[in-house]
Amino acid sequence: AFLPSGRSASQEEMFSYLQNLLQWRKNKEVIHSGKMKEFVPRDGVYVYFRYNDKETVMIAFNDNENTAKTLDSKIYAESLKGFHSGKEIISGQEMYNLNDIIVPPKSAIIVELKP
């Protein structure tokens, strides 16, 4: 499993996922030394923010087995203030509406917030 030729399709998918995530994390000062703001889990979803003077990242985990969850942006308004869009770093998807952030079942999203 050290070489791509020795991995199954699912192993290769996981390898690529982790490689992408770890490469992004390695260069993010906000993840290593930023402040953290946690919110009480609601309906199986845990959300926290990492932030510093330069950037803010929102991380959300959905522990629900079969149900995607749309985050209620009013709950996170204080941490979302001044931000109008973002980029979900795992998928690379641009997010132009922070009022409708959907977290798929049994997954996590990491959103780099943008003014």
PDB file of N, CA and C in Angstrom:
ATOM      1  N   ALA A   1       0.822  -1.211   0.000  1.00  0.00           N
ATOM      2  CA  ALA A   1       0.000   0.000   0.000  1.00  0.00           C
ATOM      3  C   ALA A   1       0.859   1.265   0.000  1.00  0.00           C
ATOM      4  N   PHE A   2       2.185   1.129  -0.063  1.00  0.00           N
ATOM      5  CA  PHE A   2       3.047   2.303  -0.102  1.00  0.00           C
ATOM      6  C   PHE A   2       3.100   2.924  -1.500  1.00  0.00           C
ATOM      7  N   LEU A   3       2.788   2.127  -2.499  1.00  0.00           N
ATOM      8  CA  LEU A   3       2.767   2.614  -3.883  1.00  0.00           C
ATOM      9  C   LEU A   3       1.343   2.553  -4.412  1.00  0.00           C
ATOM     10  N   PRO A   4       0.978   3.485  -5.319  1.00  0.00           N
ATOM     11  CA  PRO A   4      -0.384   3.460  -5.867  1.00  0.00           C
ATOM     12  C   PRO A   4      -0.779   2.109  -6.462  1.00  0.00           C
ATOM     13  N   SER A   5       0.172   1.409  -7.049  1.00  0.00           N
ATOM     14  CA  SER A   5      -0.139   0.113  -7.659  1.00  0.00           C
ATOM     15  C   SER A   5      -0.525  -0.941  -6.624  1.00  0.00           C
ATOM     16  N   GLY A   6      -0.168  -0.739  -5.358  1.00  0.00           N
ATOM     17  CA  GLY A   6      -0.485  -1.697  -4.310  1.00  0.00           C
ATOM     18  C   GLY A   6      -1.750  -1.368  -3.541  1.00  0.00           C
ATOM     19  N   ARG A   7      -2.477  -0.337  -3.968  1.00  0.00           N
ATOM     20  CA  ARG A   7      -3.692   0.090  -3.253  1.00  0.00           C
ATOM     21  C   ARG A   7      -4.949  -0.291  -4.020  1.00  0.00           C
ATOM     22  N   SER A   8      -5.967  -0.626  -3.257  1.00  0.00           N
ATOM     23  CA  SER A   8      -7.285  -0.825  -3.860  1.00  0.00           C
ATOM     24  C   SER A   8      -7.858   0.558  -4.177  1.00  0.00           C
ATOM     25  N   ALA A   9      -8.983   0.599  -4.883  1.00  0.00           N
ATOM     26  CA  ALA A   9      -9.622   1.874  -5.230  1.00  0.00           C
ATOM     27  C   ALA A   9      -9.997   2.659  -3.971  1.00  0.00           C
ATOM     28  N   SER A  10     -10.535   1.982  -2.973  1.00  0.00           N
ATOM     29  CA  SER A  10     -10.926   2.676  -1.740  1.00  0.00           C
ATOM     30  C   SER A  10      -9.698   3.148  -0.959  1.00  0.00           C
ATOM     31  N   GLN A  11      -8.628   2.376  -0.982  1.00  0.00           N
ATOM     32  CA  GLN A  11      -7.395   2.801  -0.314  1.00  0.00           C
ATOM     33  C   GLN A  11      -6.803   4.028  -1.017  1.00  0.00           C
ATOM     34  N   GLU A  12      -6.846   4.033  -2.326  1.00  0.00           N
ATOM     35  CA  GLU A  12      -6.336   5.173  -3.089  1.00  0.00           C
ATOM     36  C   GLU A  12      -7.176   6.419  -2.824  1.00  0.00           C
ATOM     37  N   GLU A  13      -8.485   6.246  -2.722  1.00  0.00           N
ATOM     38  CA  GLU A  13      -9.372   7.371  -2.410  1.00  0.00           C
ATOM     39  C   GLU A  13      -9.030   7.952  -1.033  1.00  0.00           C
ATOM     40  N   MET A  14      -8.842   7.092  -0.045  1.00  0.00           N
ATOM     41  CA  MET A  14      -8.499   7.554   1.301  1.00  0.00           C
ATOM     42  C   MET A  14      -7.125   8.206   1.318  1.00  0.00           C
ATOM     43  N   PHE A  15      -6.174   7.634   0.602  1.00  0.00           N
ATOM     44  CA  PHE A  15      -4.830   8.209   0.530  1.00  0.00           C
ATOM     45  C   PHE A  15      -4.896   9.619  -0.047  1.00  0.00           C
ATOM     46  N   SER A  16      -5.617   9.798  -1.139  1.00  0.00           N
ATOM     47  CA  SER A  16      -5.735  11.115  -1.777  1.00  0.00           C
ATOM     48  C   SER A  16      -6.427  12.112  -0.858  1.00  0.00           C
ATOM     49  N   TYR A  17      -7.483  11.649  -0.181  1.00  0.00           N
ATOM     50  CA  TYR A  17      -8.220  12.493   0.760  1.00  0.00           C
ATOM     51  C   TYR A  17      -7.291  13.007   1.864  1.00  0.00           C
ATOM     52  N   LEU A  18      -6.566  12.087   2.490  1.00  0.00           N
ATOM     53  CA  LEU A  18      -5.665  12.468   3.577  1.00  0.00           C
ATOM     54  C   LEU A  18      -4.506  13.325   3.086  1.00  0.00           C
ATOM     55  N   GLN A  19      -3.965  13.001   1.934  1.00  0.00           N
ATOM     56  CA  GLN A  19      -2.867  13.790   1.385  1.00  0.00           C
ATOM     57  C   GLN A  19      -3.306  15.233   1.149  1.00  0.00           C
ATOM     58  N   ASN A  20      -4.485  15.423   0.581  1.00  0.00           N
ATOM     59  CA  ASN A  20      -5.025  16.755   0.336  1.00  0.00           C
ATOM     60  C   ASN A  20      -5.221  17.513   1.649  1.00  0.00           C
ATOM     61  N   LEU A  21      -5.845  16.850   2.603  1.00  0.00           N
ATOM     62  CA  LEU A  21      -6.129  17.470   3.898  1.00  0.00           C
ATOM     63  C   LEU A  21      -4.836  17.827   4.651  1.00  0.00           C
ATOM     64  N   LEU A  22      -3.882  16.920   4.686  1.00  0.00           N
ATOM     65  CA  LEU A  22      -2.642  17.161   5.424  1.00  0.00           C
ATOM     66  C   LEU A  22      -1.769  18.224   4.752  1.00  0.00           C
ATOM     67  N   GLN A  23      -1.763  18.272   3.429  1.00  0.00           N
ATOM     68  CA  GLN A  23      -1.010  19.315   2.728  1.00  0.00           C
ATOM     69  C   GLN A  23      -1.598  20.693   3.033  1.00  0.00           C
ATOM     70  N   TRP A  24      -2.928  20.778   3.012  1.00  0.00           N
ATOM     71  CA  TRP A  24      -3.591  22.048   3.336  1.00  0.00           C
ATOM     72  C   TRP A  24      -3.274  22.449   4.777  1.00  0.00           C
ATOM     73  N   ARG A  25      -3.424  21.516   5.701  1.00  0.00           N
ATOM     74  CA  ARG A  25      -3.217  21.785   7.128  1.00  0.00           C
ATOM     75  C   ARG A  25      -1.792  22.223   7.437  1.00  0.00           C
ATOM     76  N   LYS A  26      -0.833  21.631   6.746  1.00  0.00           N
ATOM     77  CA  LYS A  26       0.579  21.902   7.003  1.00  0.00           C
ATOM     78  C   LYS A  26       0.921  23.389   6.862  1.00  0.00           C
ATOM     79  N   ASN A  27       0.259  24.066   5.961  1.00  0.00           N
ATOM     80  CA  ASN A  27       0.577  25.464   5.681  1.00  0.00           C
ATOM     81  C   ASN A  27      -0.420  26.459   6.267  1.00  0.00           C
ATOM     82  N   LYS A  28      -1.253  26.037   7.189  1.00  0.00           N
ATOM     83  CA  LYS A  28      -2.278  26.909   7.766  1.00  0.00           C
ATOM     84  C   LYS A  28      -1.942  27.291   9.196  1.00  0.00           C
ATOM     85  N   GLU A  29      -1.397  28.471   9.362  1.00  0.00           N
ATOM     86  CA  GLU A  29      -1.063  28.980  10.694  1.00  0.00           C
ATOM     87  C   GLU A  29      -2.297  29.018  11.590  1.00  0.00           C
ATOM     88  N   VAL A  30      -3.447  29.356  11.019  1.00  0.00           N
ATOM     89  CA  VAL A  30      -4.671  29.464  11.809  1.00  0.00           C
ATOM     90  C   VAL A  30      -5.035  28.133  12.472  1.00  0.00           C
ATOM     91  N   ILE A  31      -4.725  27.033  11.839  1.00  0.00           N
ATOM     92  CA  ILE A  31      -5.019  25.715  12.415  1.00  0.00           C
ATOM     93  C   ILE A  31      -4.050  25.398  13.555  1.00  0.00           C
ATOM     94  N   HIS A  32      -2.808  25.791  13.404  1.00  0.00           N
ATOM     95  CA  HIS A  32      -1.785  25.466  14.400  1.00  0.00           C
ATOM     96  C   HIS A  32      -1.812  26.384  15.617  1.00  0.00           C
ATOM     97  N   SER A  33      -2.048  27.674  15.388  1.00  0.00           N
ATOM     98  CA  SER A  33      -1.926  28.604  16.515  1.00  0.00           C
ATOM     99  C   SER A  33      -3.092  29.579  16.648  1.00  0.00           C
ATOM    100  N   GLY A  34      -4.126  29.414  15.837  1.00  0.00           N
ATOM    101  CA  GLY A  34      -5.282  30.297  15.943  1.00  0.00           C
ATOM    102  C   GLY A  34      -6.105  30.004  17.185  1.00  0.00           C
ATOM    103  N   LYS A  35      -6.942  30.956  17.523  1.00  0.00           N
ATOM    104  CA  LYS A  35      -7.865  30.767  18.637  1.00  0.00           C
ATOM    105  C   LYS A  35      -8.983  29.839  18.186  1.00  0.00           C
ATOM    106  N   MET A  36      -9.669  29.270  19.164  1.00  0.00           N
ATOM    107  CA  MET A  36     -10.733  28.319  18.854  1.00  0.00           C
ATOM    108  C   MET A  36     -12.026  28.746  19.524  1.00  0.00           C
ATOM    109  N   LYS A  37     -13.118  28.680  18.777  1.00  0.00           N
ATOM    110  CA  LYS A  37     -14.440  28.962  19.330  1.00  0.00           C
ATOM    111  C   LYS A  37     -15.337  27.781  19.006  1.00  0.00           C
ATOM    112  N   GLU A  38     -15.815  27.107  20.046  1.00  0.00           N
ATOM    113  CA  GLU A  38     -16.660  25.925  19.886  1.00  0.00           C
ATOM    114  C   GLU A  38     -18.120  26.278  20.158  1.00  0.00           C
ATOM    115  N   PHE A  39     -18.997  25.524  19.518  1.00  0.00           N
ATOM    116  CA  PHE A  39     -20.427  25.664  19.749  1.00  0.00           C
ATOM    117  C   PHE A  39     -20.970  24.334  20.262  1.00  0.00           C
ATOM    118  N   VAL A  40     -21.975  24.425  21.099  1.00  0.00           N
ATOM    119  CA  VAL A  40     -22.598  23.228  21.657  1.00  0.00           C
ATOM    120  C   VAL A  40     -23.163  22.405  20.502  1.00  0.00           C
ATOM    121  N   PRO A  41     -22.881  21.114  20.461  1.00  0.00           N
ATOM    122  CA  PRO A  41     -23.441  20.282  19.393  1.00  0.00           C
ATOM    123  C   PRO A  41     -24.970  20.344  19.377  1.00  0.00           C
ATOM    124  N   ARG A  42     -25.525  20.382  18.164  1.00  0.00           N
ATOM    125  CA  ARG A  42     -26.983  20.426  17.985  1.00  0.00           C
ATOM    126  C   ARG A  42     -27.380  19.380  16.961  1.00  0.00           C
ATOM    127  N   ASP A  43     -28.302  18.543  17.331  1.00  0.00           N
ATOM    128  CA  ASP A  43     -28.877  17.569  16.411  1.00  0.00           C
ATOM    129  C   ASP A  43     -27.807  16.733  15.710  1.00  0.00           C
ATOM    130  N   GLY A  44     -26.777  16.340  16.453  1.00  0.00           N
ATOM    131  CA  GLY A  44     -25.726  15.489  15.898  1.00  0.00           C
ATOM    132  C   GLY A  44     -24.664  16.221  15.104  1.00  0.00           C
ATOM    133  N   VAL A  45     -24.657  17.563  15.166  1.00  0.00           N
ATOM    134  CA  VAL A  45     -23.677  18.352  14.416  1.00  0.00           C
ATOM    135  C   VAL A  45     -22.839  19.188  15.386  1.00  0.00           C
ATOM    136  N   TYR A  46     -21.529  19.071  15.259  1.00  0.00           N
ATOM    137  CA  TYR A  46     -20.575  19.819  16.078  1.00  0.00           C
ATOM    138  C   TYR A  46     -19.843  20.802  15.171  1.00  0.00           C
ATOM    139  N   VAL A  47     -19.814  22.070  15.586  1.00  0.00           N
ATOM    140  CA  VAL A  47     -19.180  23.127  14.788  1.00  0.00           C
ATOM    141  C   VAL A  47     -18.203  23.893  15.663  1.00  0.00           C
ATOM    142  N   TYR A  48     -17.034  24.175  15.084  1.00  0.00           N
ATOM    143  CA  TYR A  48     -16.104  25.086  15.739  1.00  0.00           C
ATOM    144  C   TYR A  48     -15.384  25.918  14.695  1.00  0.00           C
ATOM    145  N   PHE A  49     -14.804  27.011  15.164  1.00  0.00           N
ATOM    146  CA  PHE A  49     -14.058  27.926  14.304  1.00  0.00           C
ATOM    147  C   PHE A  49     -12.640  28.036  14.818  1.00  0.00           C
ATOM    148  N   ARG A  50     -11.685  28.142  13.906  1.00  0.00           N
ATOM    149  CA  ARG A  50     -10.307  28.504  14.241  1.00  0.00           C
ATOM    150  C   ARG A  50     -10.076  29.841  13.558  1.00  0.00           C
ATOM    151  N   TYR A  51      -9.508  30.801  14.284  1.00  0.00           N
ATOM    152  CA  TYR A  51      -9.347  32.131  13.723  1.00  0.00           C
ATOM    153  C   TYR A  51      -8.128  32.838  14.297  1.00  0.00           C
ATOM    154  N   ASN A  52      -7.606  33.756  13.499  1.00  0.00           N
ATOM    155  CA  ASN A  52      -6.551  34.666  13.937  1.00  0.00           C
ATOM    156  C   ASN A  52      -6.792  36.004  13.243  1.00  0.00           C
ATOM    157  N   ASP A  53      -5.832  36.904  13.267  1.00  0.00           N
ATOM    158  CA  ASP A  53      -6.020  38.219  12.663  1.00  0.00           C
ATOM    159  C   ASP A  53      -6.111  38.162  11.143  1.00  0.00           C
ATOM    160  N   LYS A  54      -5.637  37.087  10.534  1.00  0.00           N
ATOM    161  CA  LYS A  54      -5.572  36.996   9.077  1.00  0.00           C
ATOM    162  C   LYS A  54      -6.687  36.166   8.445  1.00  0.00           C
ATOM    163  N   GLU A  55      -7.141  35.116   9.142  1.00  0.00           N
ATOM    164  CA  GLU A  55      -8.119  34.228   8.515  1.00  0.00           C
ATOM    165  C   GLU A  55      -8.972  33.487   9.535  1.00  0.00           C
ATOM    166  N   THR A  56     -10.077  32.940   9.025  1.00  0.00           N
ATOM    167  CA  THR A  56     -11.002  32.162   9.847  1.00  0.00           C
ATOM    168  C   THR A  56     -11.405  30.911   9.078  1.00  0.00           C
ATOM    169  N   VAL A  57     -11.455  29.799   9.802  1.00  0.00           N
ATOM    170  CA  VAL A  57     -11.849  28.521   9.222  1.00  0.00           C
ATOM    171  C   VAL A  57     -12.984  27.957  10.072  1.00  0.00           C
ATOM    172  N   MET A  58     -14.026  27.464   9.386  1.00  0.00           N
ATOM    173  CA  MET A  58     -15.162  26.824  10.055  1.00  0.00           C
ATOM    174  C   MET A  58     -15.080  25.320   9.805  1.00  0.00           C
ATOM    175  N   ILE A  59     -15.195  24.539  10.869  1.00  0.00           N
ATOM    176  CA  ILE A  59     -15.161  23.091  10.762  1.00  0.00           C
ATOM    177  C   ILE A  59     -16.471  22.552  11.338  1.00  0.00           C
ATOM    178  N   ALA A  60     -17.135  21.670  10.588  1.00  0.00           N
ATOM    179  CA  ALA A  60     -18.403  21.101  11.050  1.00  0.00           C
ATOM    180  C   ALA A  60     -18.392  19.594  10.823  1.00  0.00           C
ATOM    181  N   PHE A  61     -18.841  18.856  11.834  1.00  0.00           N
ATOM    182  CA  PHE A  61     -18.943  17.400  11.782  1.00  0.00           C
ATOM    183  C   PHE A  61     -20.410  17.006  11.919  1.00  0.00           C
ATOM    184  N   ASN A  62     -20.881  16.166  11.031  1.00  0.00           N
ATOM    185  CA  ASN A  62     -22.245  15.652  11.109  1.00  0.00           C
ATOM    186  C   ASN A  62     -22.166  14.170  11.465  1.00  0.00           C
ATOM    187  N   ASP A  63     -22.642  13.824  12.647  1.00  0.00           N
ATOM    188  CA  ASP A  63     -22.580  12.442  13.118  1.00  0.00           C
ATOM    189  C   ASP A  63     -23.847  11.643  12.781  1.00  0.00           C
ATOM    190  N   ASN A  64     -24.794  12.268  12.096  1.00  0.00           N
ATOM    191  CA  ASN A  64     -26.026  11.577  11.733  1.00  0.00           C
ATOM    192  C   ASN A  64     -25.758  10.541  10.654  1.00  0.00           C
ATOM    193  N   GLU A  65     -26.318   9.369  10.838  1.00  0.00           N
ATOM    194  CA  GLU A  65     -26.046   8.230   9.958  1.00  0.00           C
ATOM    195  C   GLU A  65     -26.543   8.428   8.532  1.00  0.00           C
ATOM    196  N   ASN A  66     -27.770   8.930   8.360  1.00  0.00           N
ATOM    197  CA  ASN A  66     -28.367   8.997   7.028  1.00  0.00           C
ATOM    198  C   ASN A  66     -28.906  10.366   6.645  1.00  0.00           C
ATOM    199  N   THR A  67     -28.646  11.389   7.452  1.00  0.00           N
ATOM    200  CA  THR A  67     -29.281  12.676   7.221  1.00  0.00           C
ATOM    201  C   THR A  67     -28.258  13.794   7.071  1.00  0.00           C
ATOM    202  N   ALA A  68     -28.303  14.481   5.932  1.00  0.00           N
ATOM    203  CA  ALA A  68     -27.502  15.694   5.761  1.00  0.00           C
ATOM    204  C   ALA A  68     -28.138  16.781   6.620  1.00  0.00           C
ATOM    205  N   LYS A  69     -27.335  17.703   7.107  1.00  0.00           N
ATOM    206  CA  LYS A  69     -27.842  18.780   7.954  1.00  0.00           C
ATOM    207  C   LYS A  69     -27.451  20.131   7.362  1.00  0.00           C
ATOM    208  N   THR A  70     -28.402  21.050   7.354  1.00  0.00           N
ATOM    209  CA  THR A  70     -28.143  22.430   6.945  1.00  0.00           C
ATOM    210  C   THR A  70     -27.901  23.232   8.212  1.00  0.00           C
ATOM    211  N   LEU A  71     -26.768  23.914   8.269  1.00  0.00           N
ATOM    212  CA  LEU A  71     -26.416  24.679   9.461  1.00  0.00           C
ATOM    213  C   LEU A  71     -27.264  25.942   9.554  1.00  0.00           C
ATOM    214  N   ASP A  72     -27.707  26.263  10.749  1.00  0.00           N
ATOM    215  CA  ASP A  72     -28.463  27.485  11.000  1.00  0.00           C
ATOM    216  C   ASP A  72     -27.458  28.621  11.202  1.00  0.00           C
ATOM    217  N   SER A  73     -27.282  29.444  10.187  1.00  0.00           N
ATOM    218  CA  SER A  73     -26.254  30.493  10.231  1.00  0.00           C
ATOM    219  C   SER A  73     -26.485  31.500  11.355  1.00  0.00           C
ATOM    220  N   LYS A  74     -27.705  31.631  11.850  1.00  0.00           N
ATOM    221  CA  LYS A  74     -27.974  32.560  12.952  1.00  0.00           C
ATOM    222  C   LYS A  74     -27.215  32.159  14.213  1.00  0.00           C
ATOM    223  N   ILE A  75     -27.069  30.855  14.419  1.00  0.00           N
ATOM    224  CA  ILE A  75     -26.362  30.356  15.602  1.00  0.00           C
ATOM    225  C   ILE A  75     -24.891  30.774  15.563  1.00  0.00           C
ATOM    226  N   TYR A  76     -24.328  30.832  14.363  1.00  0.00           N
ATOM    227  CA  TYR A  76     -22.903  31.109  14.196  1.00  0.00           C
ATOM    228  C   TYR A  76     -22.640  32.536  13.705  1.00  0.00           C
ATOM    229  N   ALA A  77     -23.641  33.399  13.808  1.00  0.00           N
ATOM    230  CA  ALA A  77     -23.572  34.757  13.256  1.00  0.00           C
ATOM    231  C   ALA A  77     -22.361  35.535  13.754  1.00  0.00           C
ATOM    232  N   GLU A  78     -22.034  35.405  15.015  1.00  0.00           N
ATOM    233  CA  GLU A  78     -20.897  36.147  15.572  1.00  0.00           C
ATOM    234  C   GLU A  78     -19.592  35.757  14.873  1.00  0.00           C
ATOM    235  N   SER A  79     -19.412  34.490  14.610  1.00  0.00           N
ATOM    236  CA  SER A  79     -18.187  34.018  13.967  1.00  0.00           C
ATOM    237  C   SER A  79     -18.216  34.194  12.450  1.00  0.00           C
ATOM    238  N   LEU A  80     -19.411  34.280  11.862  1.00  0.00           N
ATOM    239  CA  LEU A  80     -19.535  34.466  10.413  1.00  0.00           C
ATOM    240  C   LEU A  80     -19.586  35.939  10.010  1.00  0.00           C
ATOM    241  N   LYS A  81     -19.658  36.825  10.996  1.00  0.00           N
ATOM    242  CA  LYS A  81     -19.776  38.257  10.713  1.00  0.00           C
ATOM    243  C   LYS A  81     -18.605  38.732   9.845  1.00  0.00           C
ATOM    244  N   GLY A  82     -18.944  39.430   8.772  1.00  0.00           N
ATOM    245  CA  GLY A  82     -17.933  39.957   7.868  1.00  0.00           C
ATOM    246  C   GLY A  82     -17.534  39.002   6.753  1.00  0.00           C
ATOM    247  N   PHE A  83     -18.034  37.795   6.794  1.00  0.00           N
ATOM    248  CA  PHE A  83     -17.718  36.813   5.755  1.00  0.00           C
ATOM    249  C   PHE A  83     -18.950  36.584   4.876  1.00  0.00           C
ATOM    250  N   HIS A  84     -18.716  36.499   3.564  1.00  0.00           N
ATOM    251  CA  HIS A  84     -19.824  36.353   2.626  1.00  0.00           C
ATOM    252  C   HIS A  84     -19.719  35.108   1.756  1.00  0.00           C
ATOM    253  N   SER A  85     -18.556  34.480   1.768  1.00  0.00           N
ATOM    254  CA  SER A  85     -18.360  33.279   0.962  1.00  0.00           C
ATOM    255  C   SER A  85     -17.249  32.454   1.592  1.00  0.00           C
ATOM    256  N   GLY A  86     -16.933  31.347   0.946  1.00  0.00           N
ATOM    257  CA  GLY A  86     -15.875  30.494   1.457  1.00  0.00           C
ATOM    258  C   GLY A  86     -15.524  29.408   0.467  1.00  0.00           C
ATOM    259  N   LYS A  87     -14.520  28.637   0.831  1.00  0.00           N
ATOM    260  CA  LYS A  87     -14.116  27.506   0.014  1.00  0.00           C
ATOM    261  C   LYS A  87     -14.028  26.283   0.910  1.00  0.00           C
ATOM    262  N   GLU A  88     -14.731  25.227   0.532  1.00  0.00           N
ATOM    263  CA  GLU A  88     -14.688  23.978   1.269  1.00  0.00           C
ATOM    264  C   GLU A  88     -13.437  23.251   0.794  1.00  0.00           C
ATOM    265  N   ILE A  89     -12.479  23.047   1.692  1.00  0.00           N
ATOM    266  CA  ILE A  89     -11.154  22.616   1.248  1.00  0.00           C
ATOM    267  C   ILE A  89     -11.073  21.135   0.874  1.00  0.00           C
ATOM    268  N   ILE A  90     -11.931  20.303   1.395  1.00  0.00           N
ATOM    269  CA  ILE A  90     -11.868  18.882   1.065  1.00  0.00           C
ATOM    270  C   ILE A  90     -12.323  18.646  -0.375  1.00  0.00           C
ATOM    271  N   SER A  91     -13.434  19.286  -0.754  1.00  0.00           N
ATOM    272  CA  SER A  91     -13.967  19.113  -2.109  1.00  0.00           C
ATOM    273  C   SER A  91     -13.453  20.166  -3.081  1.00  0.00           C
ATOM    274  N   GLY A  92     -12.983  21.297  -2.531  1.00  0.00           N
ATOM    275  CA  GLY A  92     -12.558  22.411  -3.389  1.00  0.00           C
ATOM    276  C   GLY A  92     -13.717  23.263  -3.851  1.00  0.00           C
ATOM    277  N   GLN A  93     -14.916  22.972  -3.395  1.00  0.00           N
ATOM    278  CA  GLN A  93     -16.118  23.681  -3.824  1.00  0.00           C
ATOM    279  C   GLN A  93     -16.171  25.091  -3.239  1.00  0.00           C
ATOM    280  N   GLU A  94     -16.460  26.069  -4.095  1.00  0.00           N
ATOM    281  CA  GLU A  94     -16.676  27.445  -3.643  1.00  0.00           C
ATOM    282  C   GLU A  94     -18.078  27.542  -3.060  1.00  0.00           C
ATOM    283  N   MET A  95     -18.199  28.282  -1.978  1.00  0.00           N
ATOM    284  CA  MET A  95     -19.497  28.479  -1.325  1.00  0.00           C
ATOM    285  C   MET A  95     -19.812  29.970  -1.381  1.00  0.00           C
ATOM    286  N   TYR A  96     -20.897  30.308  -2.066  1.00  0.00           N
ATOM    287  CA  TYR A  96     -21.265  31.705  -2.237  1.00  0.00           C
ATOM    288  C   TYR A  96     -22.403  32.136  -1.322  1.00  0.00           C
ATOM    289  N   ASN A  97     -22.948  31.213  -0.560  1.00  0.00           N
ATOM    290  CA  ASN A  97     -24.038  31.522   0.350  1.00  0.00           C
ATOM    291  C   ASN A  97     -23.786  30.817   1.676  1.00  0.00           C
ATOM    292  N   LEU A  98     -23.361  31.557   2.659  1.00  0.00           N
ATOM    293  CA  LEU A  98     -23.055  30.960   3.964  1.00  0.00           C
ATOM    294  C   LEU A  98     -24.313  30.710   4.795  1.00  0.00           C
ATOM    295  N   ASN A  99     -25.472  31.078   4.263  1.00  0.00           N
ATOM    296  CA  ASN A  99     -26.728  30.807   4.964  1.00  0.00           C
ATOM    297  C   ASN A  99     -27.217  29.387   4.726  1.00  0.00           C
ATOM    298  N   ASP A 100     -26.664  28.707   3.744  1.00  0.00           N
ATOM    299  CA  ASP A 100     -27.112  27.357   3.399  1.00  0.00           C
ATOM    300  C   ASP A 100     -25.938  26.383   3.353  1.00  0.00           C
ATOM    301  N   ILE A 101     -25.250  26.243   4.447  1.00  0.00           N
ATOM    302  CA  ILE A 101     -24.130  25.307   4.503  1.00  0.00           C
ATOM    303  C   ILE A 101     -24.678  23.933   4.870  1.00  0.00           C
ATOM    304  N   ILE A 102     -24.459  22.976   3.973  1.00  0.00           N
ATOM    305  CA  ILE A 102     -24.966  21.620   4.170  1.00  0.00           C
ATOM    306  C   ILE A 102     -23.800  20.695   4.506  1.00  0.00           C
ATOM    307  N   VAL A 103     -23.990  19.906   5.563  1.00  0.00           N
ATOM    308  CA  VAL A 103     -22.982  18.929   5.965  1.00  0.00           C
ATOM    309  C   VAL A 103     -23.573  17.541   5.703  1.00  0.00           C
ATOM    310  N   PRO A 104     -22.978  16.795   4.776  1.00  0.00           N
ATOM    311  CA  PRO A 104     -23.493  15.453   4.466  1.00  0.00           C
ATOM    312  C   PRO A 104     -23.432  14.531   5.686  1.00  0.00           C
ATOM    313  N   PRO A 105     -24.224  13.445   5.661  1.00  0.00           N
ATOM    314  CA  PRO A 105     -24.215  12.508   6.796  1.00  0.00           C
ATOM    315  C   PRO A 105     -22.843  11.877   7.000  1.00  0.00           C
ATOM    316  N   LYS A 106     -22.523  11.632   8.264  1.00  0.00           N
ATOM    317  CA  LYS A 106     -21.269  10.965   8.651  1.00  0.00           C
ATOM    318  C   LYS A 106     -20.062  11.559   7.945  1.00  0.00           C
ATOM    319  N   SER A 107     -19.971  12.893   7.976  1.00  0.00           N
ATOM    320  CA  SER A 107     -18.841  13.545   7.312  1.00  0.00           C
ATOM    321  C   SER A 107     -18.507  14.855   7.996  1.00  0.00           C
ATOM    322  N   ALA A 108     -17.477  15.487   7.472  1.00  0.00           N
ATOM    323  CA  ALA A 108     -17.044  16.784   7.985  1.00  0.00           C
ATOM    324  C   ALA A 108     -16.812  17.719   6.807  1.00  0.00           C
ATOM    325  N   ILE A 109     -16.940  19.015   7.081  1.00  0.00           N
ATOM    326  CA  ILE A 109     -16.563  20.023   6.097  1.00  0.00           C
ATOM    327  C   ILE A 109     -15.621  20.994   6.766  1.00  0.00           C
ATOM    328  N   ILE A 110     -14.726  21.543   5.974  1.00  0.00           N
ATOM    329  CA  ILE A 110     -13.777  22.559   6.441  1.00  0.00           C
ATOM    330  C   ILE A 110     -13.896  23.714   5.470  1.00  0.00           C
ATOM    331  N   VAL A 111     -14.310  24.877   5.956  1.00  0.00           N
ATOM    332  CA  VAL A 111     -14.577  26.006   5.090  1.00  0.00           C
ATOM    333  C   VAL A 111     -13.631  27.159   5.442  1.00  0.00           C
ATOM    334  N   GLU A 112     -12.812  27.554   4.476  1.00  0.00           N
ATOM    335  CA  GLU A 112     -12.001  28.767   4.619  1.00  0.00           C
ATOM    336  C   GLU A 112     -12.935  29.926   4.290  1.00  0.00           C
ATOM    337  N   LEU A 113     -13.201  30.771   5.268  1.00  0.00           N
ATOM    338  CA  LEU A 113     -14.133  31.871   5.072  1.00  0.00           C
ATOM    339  C   LEU A 113     -13.471  33.057   4.386  1.00  0.00           C
ATOM    340  N   LYS A 114     -14.261  33.737   3.531  1.00  0.00           N
ATOM    341  CA  LYS A 114     -13.760  34.881   2.758  1.00  0.00           C
ATOM    342  C   LYS A 114     -14.673  36.072   2.960  1.00  0.00           C
ATOM    343  N   PRO A 115     -14.082  37.269   3.082  1.00  0.00           N
ATOM    344  CA  PRO A 115     -14.924  38.482   3.239  1.00  0.00           C
ATOM    345  C   PRO A 115     -15.776  38.758   2.016  1.00  0.00           C
TER     346      PRO A 115
END
